[in-house]
Amino acid sequence: MQVNLKAPFFLIQAAYKELVKNKGSVLNIGSVNAYAGESTLLAYSISKGAMQTMTRNLANAQGVNGVRVNQINPGWVLTEREDRDQVKKGLEPGWHQRLEREAIPSGAMTTSAQMGEAAIYWLSDESKPFTGSVVDLEQFSIIGRNPEKL
């Protein structure tokens, strides 16, 4: 809660005057786990769900001041840490290149660079007039995902 919810809240609060003065933009980094999450990620999922509510509430309250507040919800992203964690769990190096299409329908994991490009868009003037948007950056439909059974 400290890192995923309180820190962004207090950071936005500290920057508030400058955000209003400059008609600034806030981009919160959530997670698709905000909707339910994995069973081992209860506190994380709760904090990301609360962040999603905070994003929409702040957008609603601050839109009249010209401040935009949006959020991206990354799904499974290939980071150095994710790679290390999966190898520690017993997967062979390069594991992400051998995943089945059921795990990554596009055939490749999402990268940190792709998340960065999305963040740049949502912070730029090109994304005006959007505010209060929560965008799921995932390879699966968040609602209605029900893979075929054998």
N, C-alpha and C. Protein backbone atom coordinates (compact mmCIF):
# COMPACT_ATOMS: atom_id res chain seq x y z
N MET A 1 0.82 -1.20 0.00
CA MET A 1 0.00 0.00 0.00
C MET A 1 0.86 1.26 0.00
N GLN A 2 1.99 1.19 0.70
CA GLN A 2 2.86 2.37 0.79
C GLN A 2 3.37 2.79 -0.58
N VAL A 3 3.87 1.83 -1.35
CA VAL A 3 4.47 2.13 -2.65
C VAL A 3 3.42 2.29 -3.74
N ASN A 4 2.46 1.39 -3.79
CA ASN A 4 1.52 1.35 -4.91
C ASN A 4 0.35 2.30 -4.79
N LEU A 5 0.06 2.81 -3.61
CA LEU A 5 -1.09 3.70 -3.47
C LEU A 5 -0.74 5.00 -2.76
N LYS A 6 -0.16 4.90 -1.59
CA LYS A 6 0.12 6.12 -0.83
C LYS A 6 1.17 7.00 -1.52
N ALA A 7 2.23 6.40 -2.04
CA ALA A 7 3.28 7.19 -2.68
C ALA A 7 2.74 7.98 -3.87
N PRO A 8 1.99 7.37 -4.80
CA PRO A 8 1.44 8.17 -5.90
C PRO A 8 0.47 9.25 -5.41
N PHE A 9 -0.33 8.93 -4.41
CA PHE A 9 -1.28 9.91 -3.88
C PHE A 9 -0.54 11.14 -3.34
N PHE A 10 0.46 10.90 -2.50
CA PHE A 10 1.18 12.02 -1.90
C PHE A 10 2.05 12.76 -2.93
N LEU A 11 2.55 12.07 -3.93
CA LEU A 11 3.31 12.72 -4.99
C LEU A 11 2.41 13.66 -5.80
N ILE A 12 1.23 13.19 -6.15
CA ILE A 12 0.27 14.04 -6.87
C ILE A 12 -0.11 15.23 -6.00
N GLN A 13 -0.35 14.98 -4.74
CA GLN A 13 -0.70 16.06 -3.82
C GLN A 13 0.41 17.11 -3.75
N ALA A 14 1.66 16.67 -3.69
CA ALA A 14 2.79 17.59 -3.61
C ALA A 14 2.96 18.40 -4.90
N ALA A 15 2.61 17.80 -6.03
CA ALA A 15 2.76 18.47 -7.33
C ALA A 15 1.52 19.24 -7.75
N TYR A 16 0.48 19.21 -6.94
CA TYR A 16 -0.83 19.73 -7.33
C TYR A 16 -0.79 21.16 -7.87
N LYS A 17 -0.17 22.07 -7.17
CA LYS A 17 -0.16 23.47 -7.62
C LYS A 17 0.49 23.61 -8.99
N GLU A 18 1.59 22.91 -9.20
CA GLU A 18 2.27 22.96 -10.50
C GLU A 18 1.43 22.29 -11.59
N LEU A 19 0.76 21.21 -11.24
CA LEU A 19 -0.11 20.54 -12.22
C LEU A 19 -1.21 21.48 -12.68
N VAL A 20 -1.83 22.18 -11.76
CA VAL A 20 -2.90 23.13 -12.11
C VAL A 20 -2.32 24.29 -12.91
N LYS A 21 -1.23 24.85 -12.44
CA LYS A 21 -0.60 26.01 -13.09
C LYS A 21 -0.24 25.69 -14.54
N ASN A 22 0.28 24.50 -14.78
CA ASN A 22 0.76 24.11 -16.11
C ASN A 22 -0.20 23.22 -16.89
N LYS A 23 -1.40 23.04 -16.34
CA LYS A 23 -2.37 22.13 -16.98
C LYS A 23 -1.69 20.78 -17.26
N GLY A 24 -1.14 20.24 -16.20
CA GLY A 24 -0.32 19.04 -16.29
C GLY A 24 -1.08 17.75 -16.48
N SER A 25 -0.31 16.69 -16.59
CA SER A 25 -0.86 15.36 -16.82
C SER A 25 -0.21 14.38 -15.86
N VAL A 26 -1.03 13.52 -15.28
CA VAL A 26 -0.58 12.47 -14.38
C VAL A 26 -0.84 11.13 -15.06
N LEU A 27 0.12 10.25 -14.99
CA LEU A 27 -0.09 8.89 -15.48
C LEU A 27 0.28 7.92 -14.37
N ASN A 28 -0.72 7.26 -13.84
CA ASN A 28 -0.49 6.23 -12.83
C ASN A 28 -0.21 4.90 -13.53
N ILE A 29 0.68 4.13 -12.95
CA ILE A 29 1.01 2.82 -13.49
C ILE A 29 0.34 1.78 -12.61
N GLY A 30 -0.72 1.19 -13.14
CA GLY A 30 -1.48 0.19 -12.41
C GLY A 30 -1.06 -1.21 -12.79
N SER A 31 -2.02 -2.08 -12.90
CA SER A 31 -1.78 -3.47 -13.26
C SER A 31 -3.12 -4.11 -13.60
N VAL A 32 -3.10 -5.06 -14.52
CA VAL A 32 -4.33 -5.79 -14.80
C VAL A 32 -4.78 -6.58 -13.57
N ASN A 33 -3.89 -6.75 -12.60
CA ASN A 33 -4.27 -7.41 -11.35
C ASN A 33 -5.23 -6.57 -10.53
N ALA A 34 -5.47 -5.33 -10.93
CA ALA A 34 -6.43 -4.48 -10.23
C ALA A 34 -7.83 -5.07 -10.26
N TYR A 35 -8.12 -5.90 -11.25
CA TYR A 35 -9.46 -6.45 -11.40
C TYR A 35 -9.73 -7.65 -10.50
N ALA A 36 -8.72 -8.41 -10.19
CA ALA A 36 -8.87 -9.57 -9.30
C ALA A 36 -7.50 -10.04 -8.86
N GLY A 37 -6.62 -10.26 -9.78
CA GLY A 37 -5.26 -10.64 -9.43
C GLY A 37 -5.09 -12.11 -9.16
N GLU A 38 -3.84 -12.47 -9.12
CA GLU A 38 -3.49 -13.85 -8.81
C GLU A 38 -3.66 -14.08 -7.31
N SER A 39 -3.91 -15.31 -6.93
CA SER A 39 -4.19 -15.61 -5.52
C SER A 39 -3.03 -15.26 -4.60
N THR A 40 -1.83 -15.23 -5.12
CA THR A 40 -0.66 -14.91 -4.29
C THR A 40 -0.36 -13.41 -4.24
N LEU A 41 -1.18 -12.61 -4.90
CA LEU A 41 -0.92 -11.17 -4.99
C LEU A 41 -2.06 -10.34 -4.40
N LEU A 42 -2.61 -10.76 -3.28
CA LEU A 42 -3.78 -10.09 -2.71
C LEU A 42 -3.52 -8.62 -2.40
N ALA A 43 -2.51 -8.31 -1.60
CA ALA A 43 -2.25 -6.92 -1.21
C ALA A 43 -1.91 -6.07 -2.43
N TYR A 44 -1.11 -6.62 -3.33
CA TYR A 44 -0.75 -5.91 -4.57
C TYR A 44 -1.99 -5.59 -5.38
N SER A 45 -2.86 -6.58 -5.56
CA SER A 45 -4.08 -6.38 -6.34
C SER A 45 -5.00 -5.36 -5.70
N ILE A 46 -5.12 -5.40 -4.38
CA ILE A 46 -5.95 -4.42 -3.67
C ILE A 46 -5.40 -3.02 -3.91
N SER A 47 -4.08 -2.86 -3.80
CA SER A 47 -3.48 -1.52 -3.97
C SER A 47 -3.67 -1.00 -5.38
N LYS A 48 -3.58 -1.87 -6.38
CA LYS A 48 -3.75 -1.43 -7.77
C LYS A 48 -5.22 -1.14 -8.07
N GLY A 49 -6.13 -1.88 -7.45
CA GLY A 49 -7.55 -1.57 -7.60
C GLY A 49 -7.89 -0.23 -6.99
N ALA A 50 -7.31 0.05 -5.83
CA ALA A 50 -7.53 1.35 -5.19
C ALA A 50 -6.93 2.47 -6.03
N MET A 51 -5.78 2.23 -6.64
CA MET A 51 -5.17 3.24 -7.50
C MET A 51 -6.08 3.56 -8.68
N GLN A 52 -6.71 2.55 -9.22
CA GLN A 52 -7.62 2.75 -10.35
C GLN A 52 -8.77 3.67 -9.95
N THR A 53 -9.31 3.47 -8.77
CA THR A 53 -10.38 4.34 -8.26
C THR A 53 -9.84 5.75 -8.05
N MET A 54 -8.64 5.86 -7.48
CA MET A 54 -8.03 7.17 -7.27
C MET A 54 -7.84 7.90 -8.61
N THR A 55 -7.38 7.19 -9.62
CA THR A 55 -7.16 7.80 -10.94
C THR A 55 -8.45 8.40 -11.47
N ARG A 56 -9.51 7.63 -11.45
CA ARG A 56 -10.78 8.12 -12.00
C ARG A 56 -11.37 9.24 -11.15
N ASN A 57 -11.23 9.13 -9.84
CA ASN A 57 -11.75 10.16 -8.95
C ASN A 57 -11.01 11.47 -9.16
N LEU A 58 -9.68 11.42 -9.20
CA LEU A 58 -8.90 12.64 -9.42
C LEU A 58 -9.18 13.26 -10.78
N ALA A 59 -9.34 12.43 -11.80
CA ALA A 59 -9.66 12.94 -13.13
C ALA A 59 -10.99 13.68 -13.11
N ASN A 60 -11.95 13.11 -12.43
CA ASN A 60 -13.27 13.73 -12.32
C ASN A 60 -13.18 15.06 -11.57
N ALA A 61 -12.41 15.07 -10.49
CA ALA A 61 -12.31 16.27 -9.66
C ALA A 61 -11.44 17.36 -10.28
N GLN A 62 -10.41 16.97 -11.03
CA GLN A 62 -9.43 17.95 -11.50
C GLN A 62 -9.55 18.32 -12.98
N GLY A 63 -10.44 17.69 -13.69
CA GLY A 63 -10.63 18.03 -15.10
C GLY A 63 -10.97 19.50 -15.31
N VAL A 64 -11.76 20.06 -14.41
CA VAL A 64 -12.15 21.47 -14.52
C VAL A 64 -10.94 22.39 -14.34
N ASN A 65 -9.87 21.89 -13.74
CA ASN A 65 -8.64 22.67 -13.57
C ASN A 65 -7.64 22.42 -14.70
N GLY A 66 -8.05 21.62 -15.68
CA GLY A 66 -7.16 21.34 -16.81
C GLY A 66 -6.13 20.28 -16.54
N VAL A 67 -6.24 19.58 -15.42
CA VAL A 67 -5.30 18.51 -15.08
C VAL A 67 -5.89 17.19 -15.57
N ARG A 68 -5.08 16.47 -16.34
CA ARG A 68 -5.51 15.15 -16.82
C ARG A 68 -4.89 14.07 -15.94
N VAL A 69 -5.67 13.05 -15.63
CA VAL A 69 -5.19 11.93 -14.82
C VAL A 69 -5.65 10.65 -15.50
N ASN A 70 -4.69 9.85 -15.93
CA ASN A 70 -4.97 8.59 -16.60
C ASN A 70 -4.12 7.49 -15.98
N GLN A 71 -4.36 6.27 -16.43
CA GLN A 71 -3.63 5.12 -15.88
C GLN A 71 -3.45 4.07 -16.96
N ILE A 72 -2.28 3.45 -16.97
CA ILE A 72 -2.09 2.26 -17.80
C ILE A 72 -1.97 1.07 -16.87
N ASN A 73 -2.56 -0.03 -17.30
CA ASN A 73 -2.53 -1.29 -16.54
C ASN A 73 -1.77 -2.33 -17.35
N PRO A 74 -0.46 -2.44 -17.14
CA PRO A 74 0.28 -3.47 -17.85
C PRO A 74 -0.15 -4.87 -17.42
N GLY A 75 -0.06 -5.77 -18.37
CA GLY A 75 -0.22 -7.19 -18.08
C GLY A 75 1.17 -7.78 -17.82
N TRP A 76 1.42 -8.96 -18.35
CA TRP A 76 2.69 -9.64 -18.14
C TRP A 76 3.75 -8.97 -19.02
N VAL A 77 4.78 -8.43 -18.39
CA VAL A 77 5.84 -7.70 -19.10
C VAL A 77 7.18 -8.38 -18.85
N LEU A 78 7.94 -8.54 -19.91
CA LEU A 78 9.28 -9.11 -19.78
C LEU A 78 10.24 -8.02 -19.31
N THR A 79 10.64 -8.14 -18.07
CA THR A 79 11.63 -7.24 -17.48
C THR A 79 12.83 -8.09 -17.05
N GLU A 80 13.92 -7.44 -16.71
CA GLU A 80 15.08 -8.19 -16.21
C GLU A 80 14.70 -8.97 -14.95
N ARG A 81 13.93 -8.34 -14.09
CA ARG A 81 13.52 -9.01 -12.85
C ARG A 81 12.64 -10.22 -13.15
N GLU A 82 11.67 -10.06 -14.06
CA GLU A 82 10.79 -11.18 -14.41
C GLU A 82 11.61 -12.33 -14.97
N ASP A 83 12.57 -12.03 -15.82
CA ASP A 83 13.42 -13.05 -16.39
C ASP A 83 14.19 -13.79 -15.29
N ARG A 84 14.80 -13.04 -14.38
CA ARG A 84 15.53 -13.66 -13.25
C ARG A 84 14.62 -14.51 -12.39
N ASP A 85 13.43 -13.98 -12.08
CA ASP A 85 12.49 -14.71 -11.22
C ASP A 85 12.07 -16.03 -11.85
N GLN A 86 11.81 -16.03 -13.14
CA GLN A 86 11.38 -17.26 -13.80
C GLN A 86 12.52 -18.29 -13.87
N VAL A 87 13.74 -17.81 -14.07
CA VAL A 87 14.89 -18.72 -14.07
C VAL A 87 15.10 -19.30 -12.67
N LYS A 88 14.93 -18.47 -11.64
CA LYS A 88 15.03 -18.97 -10.26
C LYS A 88 13.98 -20.04 -9.97
N LYS A 89 12.82 -19.91 -10.60
CA LYS A 89 11.74 -20.90 -10.41
C LYS A 89 12.02 -22.19 -11.18
N GLY A 90 13.09 -22.21 -11.98
CA GLY A 90 13.46 -23.45 -12.66
C GLY A 90 13.32 -23.43 -14.17
N LEU A 91 12.89 -22.34 -14.75
CA LEU A 91 12.81 -22.28 -16.21
C LEU A 91 14.19 -22.06 -16.80
N GLU A 92 14.39 -22.56 -17.99
CA GLU A 92 15.67 -22.40 -18.68
C GLU A 92 15.82 -20.97 -19.19
N PRO A 93 17.06 -20.45 -19.25
CA PRO A 93 17.25 -19.13 -19.86
C PRO A 93 16.63 -19.11 -21.26
N GLY A 94 16.05 -18.00 -21.62
CA GLY A 94 15.35 -17.88 -22.90
C GLY A 94 13.94 -18.43 -22.86
N TRP A 95 13.45 -18.75 -21.66
CA TRP A 95 12.12 -19.33 -21.46
C TRP A 95 11.03 -18.56 -22.19
N HIS A 96 11.15 -17.25 -22.21
CA HIS A 96 10.10 -16.40 -22.79
C HIS A 96 9.99 -16.56 -24.30
N GLN A 97 11.01 -17.12 -24.94
CA GLN A 97 10.95 -17.34 -26.38
C GLN A 97 10.27 -18.66 -26.73
N ARG A 98 9.97 -19.45 -25.70
CA ARG A 98 9.35 -20.76 -25.93
C ARG A 98 7.95 -20.87 -25.34
N LEU A 99 7.36 -19.77 -24.99
CA LEU A 99 6.01 -19.81 -24.41
C LEU A 99 4.97 -20.18 -25.46
N GLU A 100 3.95 -20.87 -25.01
CA GLU A 100 2.85 -21.26 -25.89
C GLU A 100 1.98 -20.04 -26.21
N ARG A 101 1.26 -20.10 -27.31
CA ARG A 101 0.36 -19.01 -27.71
C ARG A 101 -0.73 -18.76 -26.68
N GLU A 102 -1.09 -19.76 -25.89
CA GLU A 102 -2.09 -19.56 -24.85
C GLU A 102 -1.59 -18.56 -23.80
N ALA A 103 -0.28 -18.51 -23.61
CA ALA A 103 0.30 -17.59 -22.64
C ALA A 103 0.54 -16.21 -23.24
N ILE A 104 0.94 -16.18 -24.51
CA ILE A 104 1.20 -14.91 -25.19
C ILE A 104 0.67 -14.99 -26.62
N PRO A 105 -0.59 -14.62 -26.82
CA PRO A 105 -1.23 -14.76 -28.12
C PRO A 105 -0.50 -14.08 -29.28
N SER A 106 0.21 -13.00 -29.02
CA SER A 106 0.91 -12.29 -30.09
C SER A 106 2.18 -13.01 -30.52
N GLY A 107 2.63 -13.98 -29.72
CA GLY A 107 3.84 -14.70 -30.03
C GLY A 107 5.08 -14.12 -29.37
N ALA A 108 4.95 -13.00 -28.68
CA ALA A 108 6.08 -12.39 -27.99
C ALA A 108 5.57 -11.68 -26.74
N MET A 109 6.38 -11.69 -25.70
CA MET A 109 6.00 -10.97 -24.49
C MET A 109 6.09 -9.47 -24.72
N THR A 110 5.29 -8.74 -23.98
CA THR A 110 5.35 -7.29 -23.99
C THR A 110 6.66 -6.87 -23.33
N THR A 111 7.28 -5.82 -23.86
CA THR A 111 8.56 -5.36 -23.31
C THR A 111 8.41 -4.08 -22.51
N SER A 112 9.41 -3.80 -21.70
CA SER A 112 9.44 -2.55 -20.95
C SER A 112 9.45 -1.36 -21.89
N ALA A 113 10.15 -1.47 -23.00
CA ALA A 113 10.21 -0.37 -23.98
C ALA A 113 8.81 -0.07 -24.53
N GLN A 114 8.03 -1.10 -24.78
CA GLN A 114 6.66 -0.88 -25.27
C GLN A 114 5.81 -0.19 -24.22
N MET A 115 6.00 -0.55 -22.96
CA MET A 115 5.27 0.13 -21.89
C MET A 115 5.70 1.60 -21.82
N GLY A 116 6.99 1.86 -21.99
CA GLY A 116 7.49 3.23 -21.99
C GLY A 116 6.89 4.06 -23.10
N GLU A 117 6.76 3.47 -24.29
CA GLU A 117 6.16 4.19 -25.42
C GLU A 117 4.70 4.53 -25.12
N ALA A 118 3.99 3.61 -24.51
CA ALA A 118 2.59 3.88 -24.15
C ALA A 118 2.52 5.00 -23.13
N ALA A 119 3.42 4.99 -22.16
CA ALA A 119 3.43 6.04 -21.13
C ALA A 119 3.69 7.40 -21.76
N ILE A 120 4.64 7.46 -22.68
CA ILE A 120 4.93 8.74 -23.35
C ILE A 120 3.69 9.26 -24.05
N TYR A 121 2.97 8.39 -24.75
CA TYR A 121 1.75 8.83 -25.43
C TYR A 121 0.75 9.42 -24.43
N TRP A 122 0.50 8.71 -23.33
CA TRP A 122 -0.53 9.16 -22.39
C TRP A 122 -0.13 10.42 -21.64
N LEU A 123 1.14 10.73 -21.59
CA LEU A 123 1.58 11.97 -20.95
C LEU A 123 1.68 13.13 -21.94
N SER A 124 1.66 12.82 -23.22
CA SER A 124 1.85 13.85 -24.25
C SER A 124 0.55 14.58 -24.57
N ASP A 125 0.71 15.69 -25.28
CA ASP A 125 -0.45 16.45 -25.74
C ASP A 125 -1.29 15.67 -26.74
N GLU A 126 -0.70 14.66 -27.37
CA GLU A 126 -1.44 13.86 -28.34
C GLU A 126 -2.61 13.11 -27.71
N SER A 127 -2.55 12.87 -26.43
CA SER A 127 -3.63 12.13 -25.78
C SER A 127 -4.72 13.04 -25.21
N LYS A 128 -4.58 14.35 -25.46
CA LYS A 128 -5.66 15.26 -25.04
C LYS A 128 -6.86 14.96 -25.90
N PRO A 129 -8.04 15.04 -25.42
CA PRO A 129 -8.54 15.53 -24.16
C PRO A 129 -8.84 14.42 -23.16
N PHE A 130 -8.25 13.25 -23.32
CA PHE A 130 -8.59 12.11 -22.48
C PHE A 130 -8.17 12.31 -21.04
N THR A 131 -9.08 12.03 -20.14
CA THR A 131 -8.77 12.02 -18.72
C THR A 131 -9.69 11.01 -18.04
N GLY A 132 -9.20 10.37 -17.02
CA GLY A 132 -9.98 9.34 -16.34
C GLY A 132 -9.93 8.00 -17.05
N SER A 133 -9.06 7.90 -18.05
CA SER A 133 -8.95 6.65 -18.80
C SER A 133 -8.04 5.67 -18.06
N VAL A 134 -8.48 4.44 -18.02
CA VAL A 134 -7.67 3.34 -17.49
C VAL A 134 -7.53 2.36 -18.65
N VAL A 135 -6.31 2.24 -19.15
CA VAL A 135 -6.07 1.46 -20.36
C VAL A 135 -5.34 0.18 -20.00
N ASP A 136 -5.95 -0.94 -20.34
CA ASP A 136 -5.36 -2.25 -20.08
C ASP A 136 -4.42 -2.60 -21.23
N LEU A 137 -3.15 -2.75 -20.93
CA LEU A 137 -2.15 -3.09 -21.93
C LEU A 137 -1.78 -4.55 -21.73
N GLU A 138 -2.64 -5.41 -22.24
CA GLU A 138 -2.57 -6.84 -22.00
C GLU A 138 -2.87 -7.55 -23.31
N GLN A 139 -2.36 -8.76 -23.46
CA GLN A 139 -2.59 -9.53 -24.67
C GLN A 139 -3.92 -10.28 -24.67
N PHE A 140 -4.62 -10.21 -23.58
CA PHE A 140 -5.91 -10.88 -23.46
C PHE A 140 -6.98 -9.86 -23.17
N SER A 141 -8.21 -10.16 -23.54
CA SER A 141 -9.34 -9.36 -23.10
C SER A 141 -9.47 -9.56 -21.60
N ILE A 142 -9.56 -8.46 -20.86
CA ILE A 142 -9.67 -8.57 -19.40
C ILE A 142 -11.01 -9.15 -19.01
N ILE A 143 -12.04 -8.73 -19.69
CA ILE A 143 -13.39 -9.21 -19.40
C ILE A 143 -13.75 -10.26 -20.44
N GLY A 144 -14.20 -11.40 -19.99
CA GLY A 144 -14.63 -12.44 -20.90
C GLY A 144 -13.55 -13.41 -21.32
N ARG A 145 -12.39 -13.35 -20.69
CA ARG A 145 -11.34 -14.29 -21.04
C ARG A 145 -11.73 -15.67 -20.54
N ASN A 146 -11.87 -16.57 -21.46
CA ASN A 146 -12.23 -17.94 -21.11
C ASN A 146 -11.66 -18.84 -22.20
N PRO A 147 -10.39 -19.22 -22.07
CA PRO A 147 -9.75 -20.01 -23.12
C PRO A 147 -10.47 -21.34 -23.35
N GLU A 148 -10.37 -21.82 -24.58
CA GLU A 148 -10.99 -23.10 -24.92
C GLU A 148 -10.40 -24.21 -24.07
N LYS A 149 -11.27 -25.14 -23.70
CA LYS A 149 -10.83 -26.31 -22.94
C LYS A 149 -10.64 -27.47 -23.91
N LEU A 150 -9.74 -28.36 -23.59
CA LEU A 150 -9.53 -29.54 -24.45
C LEU A 150 -10.61 -30.56 -24.26
